[in-house]
Full PDB file with SEQRES, HELIX, SHEET, SSBOND, CRYST1, ORIGX, SCALE, CONECT and MASTER records, all heavy atoms in Angstrom:
SEQRES   1 A   41  ALA GLN ILE SER TYR GLY GLY GLY GLN SER LYS VAL ALA          
SEQRES   2 A   41  ASP SER VAL LYS GLY ARG PHE THR ILE SER ARG ASP THR          
SEQRES   3 A   41  SER LYS ASN THR VAL THR LEU GLN MET LYS ASN VAL LYS          
SEQRES   4 A   41  PRO GLU                                                      
SHEET    1 AA1 2 PHE A  20  ASP A  25  0                                        
SHEET    2 AA1 2 THR A  30  MET A  35 -1                                        
CRYST1    1.000    1.000    1.000  90.00  90.00  90.00 P 1           1          
ORIGX1      1.000000  0.000000  0.000000        0.00000                         
ORIGX2      0.000000  1.000000  0.000000        0.00000                         
ORIGX3      0.000000  0.000000  1.000000        0.00000                         
SCALE1      1.000000  0.000000  0.000000        0.00000                         
SCALE2      0.000000  1.000000  0.000000        0.00000                         
SCALE3      0.000000  0.000000  1.000000        0.00000                         
ATOM      1  N   ALA A   1      -5.654 -64.008  30.192  1.00  0.00           N  
ATOM      2  CA  ALA A   1      -4.455 -64.388  30.914  1.00  0.00           C  
ATOM      3  C   ALA A   1      -3.334 -63.437  30.563  1.00  0.00           C  
ATOM      4  O   ALA A   1      -3.318 -62.855  29.474  1.00  0.00           O  
ATOM      5  CB  ALA A   1      -4.049 -65.828  30.591  1.00  0.00           C  
ATOM      6  N   GLN A   2      -2.391 -63.289  31.481  1.00  0.00           N  
ATOM      7  CA  GLN A   2      -1.237 -62.429  31.277  1.00  0.00           C  
ATOM      8  C   GLN A   2       0.016 -63.139  31.762  1.00  0.00           C  
ATOM      9  O   GLN A   2      -0.039 -64.004  32.642  1.00  0.00           O  
ATOM     10  CB  GLN A   2      -1.363 -61.100  32.040  1.00  0.00           C  
ATOM     11  CG  GLN A   2      -2.620 -60.322  31.768  1.00  0.00           C  
ATOM     12  CD  GLN A   2      -3.527 -60.301  32.965  1.00  0.00           C  
ATOM     13  OE1 GLN A   2      -4.204 -61.279  33.260  1.00  0.00           O  
ATOM     14  NE2 GLN A   2      -3.545 -59.173  33.669  1.00  0.00           N  
ATOM     15  N   ILE A   3       1.143 -62.734  31.220  1.00  0.00           N  
ATOM     16  CA  ILE A   3       2.422 -63.276  31.642  1.00  0.00           C  
ATOM     17  C   ILE A   3       3.505 -62.237  31.386  1.00  0.00           C  
ATOM     18  O   ILE A   3       3.440 -61.490  30.416  1.00  0.00           O  
ATOM     19  CB  ILE A   3       2.726 -64.614  30.925  1.00  0.00           C  
ATOM     20  CG1 ILE A   3       3.910 -65.333  31.569  1.00  0.00           C  
ATOM     21  CG2 ILE A   3       2.970 -64.382  29.436  1.00  0.00           C  
ATOM     22  CD1 ILE A   3       4.034 -66.784  31.123  1.00  0.00           C  
ATOM     23  N   SER A   4       4.488 -62.183  32.276  1.00  0.00           N  
ATOM     24  CA  SER A   4       5.651 -61.347  32.031  1.00  0.00           C  
ATOM     25  C   SER A   4       6.608 -62.122  31.145  1.00  0.00           C  
ATOM     26  O   SER A   4       6.974 -63.261  31.454  1.00  0.00           O  
ATOM     27  CB  SER A   4       6.322 -60.937  33.341  1.00  0.00           C  
ATOM     28  OG  SER A   4       6.752 -62.074  34.078  1.00  0.00           O  
ATOM     29  N   TYR A   5       7.001 -61.509  30.043  1.00  0.00           N  
ATOM     30  CA  TYR A   5       7.815 -62.240  29.083  1.00  0.00           C  
ATOM     31  C   TYR A   5       9.169 -62.614  29.670  1.00  0.00           C  
ATOM     32  O   TYR A   5       9.664 -63.716  29.459  1.00  0.00           O  
ATOM     33  CB  TYR A   5       8.004 -61.424  27.807  1.00  0.00           C  
ATOM     34  CG  TYR A   5       8.603 -62.229  26.688  1.00  0.00           C  
ATOM     35  CD1 TYR A   5       7.803 -63.066  25.915  1.00  0.00           C  
ATOM     36  CD2 TYR A   5       9.962 -62.175  26.415  1.00  0.00           C  
ATOM     37  CE1 TYR A   5       8.347 -63.821  24.897  1.00  0.00           C  
ATOM     38  CE2 TYR A   5      10.517 -62.931  25.400  1.00  0.00           C  
ATOM     39  CZ  TYR A   5       9.705 -63.753  24.644  1.00  0.00           C  
ATOM     40  OH  TYR A   5      10.251 -64.513  23.633  1.00  0.00           O  
ATOM     41  N   GLY A   6       9.751 -61.703  30.432  1.00  0.00           N  
ATOM     42  CA  GLY A   6      11.073 -61.952  30.972  1.00  0.00           C  
ATOM     43  C   GLY A   6      11.091 -62.749  32.259  1.00  0.00           C  
ATOM     44  O   GLY A   6      11.962 -63.610  32.443  1.00  0.00           O  
ATOM     45  N   GLY A   7      10.146 -62.464  33.173  1.00  0.00           N  
ATOM     46  CA  GLY A   7      10.197 -63.049  34.491  1.00  0.00           C  
ATOM     47  C   GLY A   7       9.333 -64.265  34.724  1.00  0.00           C  
ATOM     48  O   GLY A   7       9.538 -64.981  35.700  1.00  0.00           O  
ATOM     49  N   GLY A   8       8.355 -64.501  33.852  1.00  0.00           N  
ATOM     50  CA  GLY A   8       7.526 -65.671  33.989  1.00  0.00           C  
ATOM     51  C   GLY A   8       6.344 -65.539  34.933  1.00  0.00           C  
ATOM     52  O   GLY A   8       5.619 -66.524  35.133  1.00  0.00           O  
ATOM     53  N   GLN A   9       6.134 -64.347  35.533  1.00  0.00           N  
ATOM     54  CA  GLN A   9       4.934 -64.151  36.333  1.00  0.00           C  
ATOM     55  C   GLN A   9       3.706 -64.297  35.449  1.00  0.00           C  
ATOM     56  O   GLN A   9       3.724 -63.885  34.287  1.00  0.00           O  
ATOM     57  CB  GLN A   9       4.921 -62.760  36.968  1.00  0.00           C  
ATOM     58  CG  GLN A   9       6.061 -62.480  37.919  1.00  0.00           C  
ATOM     59  CD  GLN A   9       5.975 -61.072  38.468  1.00  0.00           C  
ATOM     60  OE1 GLN A   9       5.019 -60.727  39.176  1.00  0.00           O  
ATOM     61  NE2 GLN A   9       6.957 -60.252  38.148  1.00  0.00           N  
ATOM     62  N   SER A  10       2.652 -64.869  35.989  1.00  0.00           N  
ATOM     63  CA  SER A  10       1.455 -65.069  35.192  1.00  0.00           C  
ATOM     64  C   SER A  10       0.218 -65.062  36.057  1.00  0.00           C  
ATOM     65  O   SER A  10       0.279 -65.291  37.270  1.00  0.00           O  
ATOM     66  CB  SER A  10       1.537 -66.387  34.411  1.00  0.00           C  
ATOM     67  OG  SER A  10       1.537 -67.504  35.275  1.00  0.00           O  
ATOM     68  N   LYS A  11      -0.927 -64.798  35.438  1.00  0.00           N  
ATOM     69  CA  LYS A  11      -2.213 -64.939  36.083  1.00  0.00           C  
ATOM     70  C   LYS A  11      -3.265 -65.226  35.033  1.00  0.00           C  
ATOM     71  O   LYS A  11      -3.091 -64.901  33.856  1.00  0.00           O  
ATOM     72  CB  LYS A  11      -2.579 -63.713  36.921  1.00  0.00           C  
ATOM     73  CG  LYS A  11      -2.693 -62.408  36.162  1.00  0.00           C  
ATOM     74  CD  LYS A  11      -3.052 -61.281  37.126  1.00  0.00           C  
ATOM     75  CE  LYS A  11      -3.145 -59.947  36.431  1.00  0.00           C  
ATOM     76  NZ  LYS A  11      -3.511 -58.858  37.380  1.00  0.00           N  
ATOM     77  N   VAL A  12      -4.350 -65.842  35.479  1.00  0.00           N  
ATOM     78  CA  VAL A  12      -5.429 -66.252  34.604  1.00  0.00           C  
ATOM     79  C   VAL A  12      -6.736 -65.709  35.164  1.00  0.00           C  
ATOM     80  O   VAL A  12      -6.958 -65.735  36.379  1.00  0.00           O  
ATOM     81  CB  VAL A  12      -5.486 -67.786  34.477  1.00  0.00           C  
ATOM     82  CG1 VAL A  12      -6.631 -68.217  33.569  1.00  0.00           C  
ATOM     83  CG2 VAL A  12      -4.162 -68.331  33.956  1.00  0.00           C  
ATOM     84  N   ALA A  13      -7.590 -65.230  34.280  1.00  0.00           N  
ATOM     85  CA  ALA A  13      -8.876 -64.692  34.709  1.00  0.00           C  
ATOM     86  C   ALA A  13      -9.712 -65.769  35.389  1.00  0.00           C  
ATOM     87  O   ALA A  13      -9.681 -66.943  34.997  1.00  0.00           O  
ATOM     88  CB  ALA A  13      -9.630 -64.114  33.517  1.00  0.00           C  
ATOM     89  N   ASP A  14     -10.466 -65.349  36.408  1.00  0.00           N  
ATOM     90  CA  ASP A  14     -11.289 -66.296  37.141  1.00  0.00           C  
ATOM     91  C   ASP A  14     -12.268 -67.034  36.238  1.00  0.00           C  
ATOM     92  O   ASP A  14     -12.595 -68.197  36.490  1.00  0.00           O  
ATOM     93  CB  ASP A  14     -12.053 -65.580  38.255  1.00  0.00           C  
ATOM     94  CG  ASP A  14     -11.157 -65.142  39.390  1.00  0.00           C  
ATOM     95  OD1 ASP A  14     -10.037 -65.672  39.523  1.00  0.00           O  
ATOM     96  OD2 ASP A  14     -11.581 -64.263  40.170  1.00  0.00           O  
ATOM     97  N   SER A  15     -12.728 -66.370  35.184  1.00  0.00           N  
ATOM     98  CA  SER A  15     -13.731 -66.967  34.324  1.00  0.00           C  
ATOM     99  C   SER A  15     -13.224 -68.196  33.572  1.00  0.00           C  
ATOM    100  O   SER A  15     -14.031 -69.032  33.154  1.00  0.00           O  
ATOM    101  CB  SER A  15     -14.251 -65.932  33.324  1.00  0.00           C  
ATOM    102  OG  SER A  15     -13.202 -65.448  32.501  1.00  0.00           O  
ATOM    103  N   VAL A  16     -11.910 -68.305  33.398  1.00  0.00           N  
ATOM    104  CA  VAL A  16     -11.355 -69.441  32.664  1.00  0.00           C  
ATOM    105  C   VAL A  16     -10.313 -70.204  33.464  1.00  0.00           C  
ATOM    106  O   VAL A  16      -9.733 -71.171  32.955  1.00  0.00           O  
ATOM    107  CB  VAL A  16     -10.759 -69.003  31.312  1.00  0.00           C  
ATOM    108  CG1 VAL A  16     -11.847 -68.463  30.395  1.00  0.00           C  
ATOM    109  CG2 VAL A  16      -9.664 -67.963  31.506  1.00  0.00           C  
ATOM    110  N   LYS A  17     -10.073 -69.795  34.711  1.00  0.00           N  
ATOM    111  CA  LYS A  17      -9.104 -70.508  35.534  1.00  0.00           C  
ATOM    112  C   LYS A  17      -9.560 -71.954  35.726  1.00  0.00           C  
ATOM    113  O   LYS A  17     -10.724 -72.226  35.980  1.00  0.00           O  
ATOM    114  CB  LYS A  17      -8.938 -69.816  36.883  1.00  0.00           C  
ATOM    115  CG  LYS A  17      -7.880 -70.465  37.779  1.00  0.00           C  
ATOM    116  CD  LYS A  17      -7.647 -69.669  39.059  1.00  0.00           C  
ATOM    117  CE  LYS A  17      -6.897 -68.390  38.781  1.00  0.00           C  
ATOM    118  NZ  LYS A  17      -6.518 -67.690  40.045  1.00  0.00           N  
ATOM    119  N   GLY A  18      -8.606 -72.858  35.588  1.00  0.00           N  
ATOM    120  CA  GLY A  18      -8.910 -74.276  35.652  1.00  0.00           C  
ATOM    121  C   GLY A  18      -9.071 -74.918  34.301  1.00  0.00           C  
ATOM    122  O   GLY A  18      -8.949 -76.143  34.179  1.00  0.00           O  
ATOM    123  N   ARG A  19      -9.347 -74.106  33.286  1.00  0.00           N  
ATOM    124  CA  ARG A  19      -9.448 -74.611  31.922  1.00  0.00           C  
ATOM    125  C   ARG A  19      -8.345 -74.067  31.021  1.00  0.00           C  
ATOM    126  O   ARG A  19      -7.855 -74.779  30.143  1.00  0.00           O  
ATOM    127  CB  ARG A  19     -10.805 -74.270  31.309  1.00  0.00           C  
ATOM    128  CG  ARG A  19     -11.990 -74.949  31.986  1.00  0.00           C  
ATOM    129  CD  ARG A  19     -13.236 -74.871  31.116  1.00  0.00           C  
ATOM    130  NE  ARG A  19     -13.630 -73.495  30.838  1.00  0.00           N  
ATOM    131  CZ  ARG A  19     -13.725 -72.971  29.618  1.00  0.00           C  
ATOM    132  NH1 ARG A  19     -13.456 -73.712  28.548  1.00  0.00           N  
ATOM    133  NH2 ARG A  19     -14.104 -71.706  29.460  1.00  0.00           N  
ATOM    134  N   PHE A  20      -7.965 -72.808  31.223  1.00  0.00           N  
ATOM    135  CA  PHE A  20      -6.956 -72.165  30.381  1.00  0.00           C  
ATOM    136  C   PHE A  20      -5.689 -71.935  31.188  1.00  0.00           C  
ATOM    137  O   PHE A  20      -5.736 -71.589  32.375  1.00  0.00           O  
ATOM    138  CB  PHE A  20      -7.444 -70.809  29.865  1.00  0.00           C  
ATOM    139  CG  PHE A  20      -8.588 -70.852  28.890  1.00  0.00           C  
ATOM    140  CD1 PHE A  20      -9.232 -72.037  28.575  1.00  0.00           C  
ATOM    141  CD2 PHE A  20      -9.012 -69.688  28.276  1.00  0.00           C  
ATOM    142  CE1 PHE A  20     -10.286 -72.070  27.675  1.00  0.00           C  
ATOM    143  CE2 PHE A  20     -10.055 -69.701  27.375  1.00  0.00           C  
ATOM    144  CZ  PHE A  20     -10.695 -70.886  27.072  1.00  0.00           C  
ATOM    145  N   THR A  21      -4.547 -72.104  30.554  1.00  0.00           N  
ATOM    146  CA  THR A  21      -3.268 -71.763  31.148  1.00  0.00           C  
ATOM    147  C   THR A  21      -2.428 -70.991  30.135  1.00  0.00           C  
ATOM    148  O   THR A  21      -2.570 -71.171  28.924  1.00  0.00           O  
ATOM    149  CB  THR A  21      -2.490 -73.004  31.618  1.00  0.00           C  
ATOM    150  OG1 THR A  21      -2.296 -73.893  30.513  1.00  0.00           O  
ATOM    151  CG2 THR A  21      -3.236 -73.724  32.722  1.00  0.00           C  
ATOM    152  N   ILE A  22      -1.556 -70.131  30.642  1.00  0.00           N  
ATOM    153  CA  ILE A  22      -0.663 -69.361  29.797  1.00  0.00           C  
ATOM    154  C   ILE A  22       0.774 -69.735  30.137  1.00  0.00           C  
ATOM    155  O   ILE A  22       1.108 -70.001  31.295  1.00  0.00           O  
ATOM    156  CB  ILE A  22      -0.898 -67.840  29.954  1.00  0.00           C  
ATOM    157  CG1 ILE A  22      -0.119 -67.049  28.899  1.00  0.00           C  
ATOM    158  CG2 ILE A  22      -0.569 -67.373  31.365  1.00  0.00           C  
ATOM    159  CD1 ILE A  22      -0.499 -65.569  28.838  1.00  0.00           C  
ATOM    160  N   SER A  23       1.614 -69.760  29.132  1.00  0.00           N  
ATOM    161  CA  SER A  23       3.022 -70.046  29.334  1.00  0.00           C  
ATOM    162  C   SER A  23       3.828 -69.340  28.259  1.00  0.00           C  
ATOM    163  O   SER A  23       3.278 -68.847  27.271  1.00  0.00           O  
ATOM    164  CB  SER A  23       3.299 -71.556  29.311  1.00  0.00           C  
ATOM    165  OG  SER A  23       2.963 -72.116  28.054  1.00  0.00           O  
ATOM    166  N   ARG A  24       5.126 -69.286  28.471  1.00  0.00           N  
ATOM    167  CA  ARG A  24       5.988 -68.701  27.457  1.00  0.00           C  
ATOM    168  C   ARG A  24       7.293 -69.469  27.376  1.00  0.00           C  
ATOM    169  O   ARG A  24       7.760 -70.053  28.365  1.00  0.00           O  
ATOM    170  CB  ARG A  24       6.233 -67.209  27.732  1.00  0.00           C  
ATOM    171  CG  ARG A  24       6.895 -66.925  29.090  1.00  0.00           C  
ATOM    172  CD  ARG A  24       8.341 -66.674  28.943  1.00  0.00           C  
ATOM    173  NE  ARG A  24       8.972 -66.231  30.178  1.00  0.00           N  
ATOM    174  CZ  ARG A  24       9.436 -67.033  31.128  1.00  0.00           C  
ATOM    175  NH1 ARG A  24       9.275 -68.352  31.032  1.00  0.00           N  
ATOM    176  NH2 ARG A  24      10.050 -66.539  32.189  1.00  0.00           N  
ATOM    177  N   ASP A  25       7.861 -69.492  26.200  1.00  0.00           N  
ATOM    178  CA  ASP A  25       9.133 -70.137  25.947  1.00  0.00           C  
ATOM    179  C   ASP A  25      10.011 -69.108  25.251  1.00  0.00           C  
ATOM    180  O   ASP A  25       9.869 -68.871  24.048  1.00  0.00           O  
ATOM    181  CB  ASP A  25       8.945 -71.384  25.088  1.00  0.00           C  
ATOM    182  CG  ASP A  25      10.225 -72.166  24.885  1.00  0.00           C  
ATOM    183  OD1 ASP A  25      11.319 -71.622  25.116  1.00  0.00           O  
ATOM    184  OD2 ASP A  25      10.135 -73.340  24.487  1.00  0.00           O  
ATOM    185  N   THR A  26      10.896 -68.483  26.013  1.00  0.00           N  
ATOM    186  CA  THR A  26      11.707 -67.414  25.438  1.00  0.00           C  
ATOM    187  C   THR A  26      12.701 -67.938  24.413  1.00  0.00           C  
ATOM    188  O   THR A  26      13.103 -67.204  23.513  1.00  0.00           O  
ATOM    189  CB  THR A  26      12.440 -66.643  26.541  1.00  0.00           C  
ATOM    190  OG1 THR A  26      13.225 -67.554  27.325  1.00  0.00           O  
ATOM    191  CG2 THR A  26      11.450 -65.937  27.457  1.00  0.00           C  
ATOM    192  N   SER A  27      13.101 -69.201  24.536  1.00  0.00           N  
ATOM    193  CA  SER A  27      14.009 -69.764  23.545  1.00  0.00           C  
ATOM    194  C   SER A  27      13.329 -69.953  22.199  1.00  0.00           C  
ATOM    195  O   SER A  27      13.992 -69.936  21.156  1.00  0.00           O  
ATOM    196  CB  SER A  27      14.590 -71.087  24.034  1.00  0.00           C  
ATOM    197  OG  SER A  27      13.613 -72.101  24.098  1.00  0.00           O  
ATOM    198  N   LYS A  28      12.017 -70.155  22.213  1.00  0.00           N  
ATOM    199  CA  LYS A  28      11.232 -70.293  20.995  1.00  0.00           C  
ATOM    200  C   LYS A  28      10.518 -69.007  20.612  1.00  0.00           C  
ATOM    201  O   LYS A  28       9.873 -68.957  19.561  1.00  0.00           O  
ATOM    202  CB  LYS A  28      10.202 -71.408  21.159  1.00  0.00           C  
ATOM    203  CG  LYS A  28      10.788 -72.786  21.363  1.00  0.00           C  
ATOM    204  CD  LYS A  28      11.363 -73.343  20.083  1.00  0.00           C  
ATOM    205  CE  LYS A  28      11.765 -74.801  20.242  1.00  0.00           C  
ATOM    206  NZ  LYS A  28      12.336 -75.355  18.985  1.00  0.00           N  
ATOM    207  N   ASN A  29      10.602 -67.995  21.466  1.00  0.00           N  
ATOM    208  CA  ASN A  29       9.936 -66.713  21.224  1.00  0.00           C  
ATOM    209  C   ASN A  29       8.436 -66.894  21.020  1.00  0.00           C  
ATOM    210  O   ASN A  29       7.856 -66.366  20.064  1.00  0.00           O  
ATOM    211  CB  ASN A  29      10.553 -65.983  20.027  1.00  0.00           C  
ATOM    212  CG  ASN A  29      12.023 -65.708  20.202  1.00  0.00           C  
ATOM    213  OD1 ASN A  29      12.854 -66.186  19.440  1.00  0.00           O  
ATOM    214  ND2 ASN A  29      12.357 -64.931  21.228  1.00  0.00           N  
ATOM    215  N   THR A  30       7.819 -67.649  21.931  1.00  0.00           N  
ATOM    216  CA  THR A  30       6.395 -67.909  21.822  1.00  0.00           C  
ATOM    217  C   THR A  30       5.704 -67.736  23.168  1.00  0.00           C  
ATOM    218  O   THR A  30       6.294 -67.957  24.220  1.00  0.00           O  
ATOM    219  CB  THR A  30       6.108 -69.329  21.314  1.00  0.00           C  
ATOM    220  OG1 THR A  30       6.737 -70.280  22.168  1.00  0.00           O  
ATOM    221  CG2 THR A  30       6.607 -69.510  19.894  1.00  0.00           C  
ATOM    222  N   VAL A  31       4.443 -67.341  23.110  1.00  0.00           N  
ATOM    223  CA  VAL A  31       3.541 -67.314  24.249  1.00  0.00           C  
ATOM    224  C   VAL A  31       2.343 -68.183  23.886  1.00  0.00           C  
ATOM    225  O   VAL A  31       1.764 -68.020  22.814  1.00  0.00           O  
ATOM    226  CB  VAL A  31       3.094 -65.886  24.598  1.00  0.00           C  
ATOM    227  CG1 VAL A  31       2.107 -65.897  25.758  1.00  0.00           C  
ATOM    228  CG2 VAL A  31       4.303 -65.019  24.944  1.00  0.00           C  
ATOM    229  N   THR A  32       1.985 -69.098  24.771  1.00  0.00           N  
ATOM    230  CA  THR A  32       0.990 -70.110  24.468  1.00  0.00           C  
ATOM    231  C   THR A  32      -0.213 -69.983  25.390  1.00  0.00           C  
ATOM    232  O   THR A  32      -0.068 -69.713  26.582  1.00  0.00           O  
ATOM    233  CB  THR A  32       1.599 -71.510  24.606  1.00  0.00           C  
ATOM    234  OG1 THR A  32       2.643 -71.670  23.648  1.00  0.00           O  
ATOM    235  CG2 THR A  32       0.552 -72.591  24.372  1.00  0.00           C  
ATOM    236  N   LEU A  33      -1.396 -70.171  24.833  1.00  0.00           N  
ATOM    237  CA  LEU A  33      -2.617 -70.320  25.613  1.00  0.00           C  
ATOM    238  C   LEU A  33      -3.117 -71.740  25.403  1.00  0.00           C  
ATOM    239  O   LEU A  33      -3.491 -72.104  24.285  1.00  0.00           O  
ATOM    240  CB  LEU A  33      -3.683 -69.313  25.185  1.00  0.00           C  
ATOM    241  CG  LEU A  33      -4.961 -69.333  26.019  1.00  0.00           C  
ATOM    242  CD1 LEU A  33      -4.697 -68.765  27.417  1.00  0.00           C  
ATOM    243  CD2 LEU A  33      -6.073 -68.548  25.332  1.00  0.00           C  
ATOM    244  N   GLN A  34      -3.092 -72.540  26.466  1.00  0.00           N  
ATOM    245  CA  GLN A  34      -3.598 -73.904  26.423  1.00  0.00           C  
ATOM    246  C   GLN A  34      -5.040 -73.900  26.906  1.00  0.00           C  
ATOM    247  O   GLN A  34      -5.316 -73.491  28.033  1.00  0.00           O  
ATOM    248  CB  GLN A  34      -2.742 -74.823  27.292  1.00  0.00           C  
ATOM    249  CG  GLN A  34      -3.234 -76.263  27.348  1.00  0.00           C  
ATOM    250  CD  GLN A  34      -3.110 -76.978  26.027  1.00  0.00           C  
ATOM    251  OE1 GLN A  34      -2.047 -76.965  25.416  1.00  0.00           O  
ATOM    252  NE2 GLN A  34      -4.198 -77.594  25.586  1.00  0.00           N  
ATOM    253  N   MET A  35      -5.943 -74.333  26.050  1.00  0.00           N  
ATOM    254  CA  MET A  35      -7.364 -74.350  26.342  1.00  0.00           C  
ATOM    255  C   MET A  35      -7.811 -75.800  26.490  1.00  0.00           C  
ATOM    256  O   MET A  35      -7.613 -76.603  25.583  1.00  0.00           O  
ATOM    257  CB  MET A  35      -8.160 -73.664  25.227  1.00  0.00           C  
ATOM    258  CG  MET A  35      -7.684 -72.255  24.910  1.00  0.00           C  
ATOM    259  SD  MET A  35      -8.318 -71.614  23.331  1.00  0.00           S  
ATOM    260  CE  MET A  35     -10.086 -71.705  23.600  1.00  0.00           C  
ATOM    261  N   LYS A  36      -8.420 -76.118  27.620  1.00  0.00           N  
ATOM    262  CA  LYS A  36      -8.944 -77.447  27.873  1.00  0.00           C  
ATOM    263  C   LYS A  36     -10.444 -77.388  28.067  1.00  0.00           C  
ATOM    264  O   LYS A  36     -10.989 -76.378  28.511  1.00  0.00           O  
ATOM    265  CB  LYS A  36      -8.279 -78.061  29.110  1.00  0.00           C  
ATOM    266  CG  LYS A  36      -6.773 -78.228  29.011  1.00  0.00           C  
ATOM    267  CD  LYS A  36      -6.204 -78.834  30.281  1.00  0.00           C  
ATOM    268  CE  LYS A  36      -4.701 -79.016  30.177  1.00  0.00           C  
ATOM    269  NZ  LYS A  36      -4.124 -79.574  31.433  1.00  0.00           N  
ATOM    270  N   ASN A  37     -11.101 -78.503  27.747  1.00  0.00           N  
ATOM    271  CA  ASN A  37     -12.553 -78.600  27.924  1.00  0.00           C  
ATOM    272  C   ASN A  37     -13.257 -77.386  27.325  1.00  0.00           C  
ATOM    273  O   ASN A  37     -14.032 -76.701  27.996  1.00  0.00           O  
ATOM    274  CB  ASN A  37     -12.890 -78.758  29.404  1.00  0.00           C  
ATOM    275  CG  ASN A  37     -14.347 -79.074  29.652  1.00  0.00           C  
ATOM    276  OD1 ASN A  37     -15.024 -79.653  28.803  1.00  0.00           O  
ATOM    277  ND2 ASN A  37     -14.848 -78.689  30.824  1.00  0.00           N  
ATOM    278  N   VAL A  38     -13.006 -77.127  26.068  1.00  0.00           N  
ATOM    279  CA  VAL A  38     -13.594 -75.957  25.435  1.00  0.00           C  
ATOM    280  C   VAL A  38     -15.108 -76.095  25.367  1.00  0.00           C  
ATOM    281  O   VAL A  38     -15.656 -77.199  25.301  1.00  0.00           O  
ATOM    282  CB  VAL A  38     -13.000 -75.706  24.039  1.00  0.00           C  
ATOM    283  CG1 VAL A  38     -11.509 -75.436  24.152  1.00  0.00           C  
ATOM    284  CG2 VAL A  38     -13.272 -76.874  23.101  1.00  0.00           C  
ATOM    285  N   LYS A  39     -15.778 -74.941  25.388  1.00  0.00           N  
ATOM    286  CA  LYS A  39     -17.218 -74.864  25.394  1.00  0.00           C  
ATOM    287  C   LYS A  39     -17.686 -73.958  24.264  1.00  0.00           C  
ATOM    288  O   LYS A  39     -16.915 -73.129  23.780  1.00  0.00           O  
ATOM    289  CB  LYS A  39     -17.708 -74.316  26.736  1.00  0.00           C  
ATOM    290  CG  LYS A  39     -17.243 -75.115  27.942  1.00  0.00           C  
ATOM    291  CD  LYS A  39     -17.666 -74.466  29.248  1.00  0.00           C  
ATOM    292  CE  LYS A  39     -17.198 -75.268  30.444  1.00  0.00           C  
ATOM    293  NZ  LYS A  39     -17.611 -74.643  31.721  1.00  0.00           N  
ATOM    294  N   PRO A  40     -18.946 -74.086  23.842  1.00  0.00           N  
ATOM    295  CA  PRO A  40     -19.430 -73.201  22.775  1.00  0.00           C  
ATOM    296  C   PRO A  40     -19.250 -71.725  23.087  1.00  0.00           C  
ATOM    297  O   PRO A  40     -18.989 -70.934  22.168  1.00  0.00           O  
ATOM    298  CB  PRO A  40     -20.912 -73.580  22.653  1.00  0.00           C  
ATOM    299  CG  PRO A  40     -20.950 -75.010  23.068  1.00  0.00           C  
ATOM    300  CD  PRO A  40     -19.936 -75.131  24.173  1.00  0.00           C  
ATOM    301  N   GLU A  41     -19.360 -71.331  24.346  1.00  0.00           N  
ATOM    302  CA  GLU A  41     -19.183 -69.937  24.704  1.00  0.00           C  
ATOM    303  C   GLU A  41     -17.743 -69.456  24.566  1.00  0.00           C  
ATOM    304  O   GLU A  41     -17.476 -68.263  24.701  1.00  0.00           O  
ATOM    305  CB  GLU A  41     -19.688 -69.660  26.122  1.00  0.00           C  
ATOM    306  CG  GLU A  41     -19.093 -70.568  27.180  1.00  0.00           C  
ATOM    307  CD  GLU A  41     -20.000 -71.737  27.533  1.00  0.00           C  
ATOM    308  OE1 GLU A  41     -20.594 -72.322  26.614  1.00  0.00           O  
ATOM    309  OE2 GLU A  41     -20.111 -72.061  28.732  1.00  0.00           O  
TER     310      GLU A  41                                                      
MASTER        0    0    0    0    2    0    0    6  309    1    0    4          
END                                                                             
């Protein structure tokens, strides 16, 4: 996944779309990857 730090544009790879999301909080100076329904792979 990718995100523009300043503008908030983002995209997620097809292989994990629907399970993973990316976000950023500039006030906290963090970029987050939220993973749902994780699998052994």
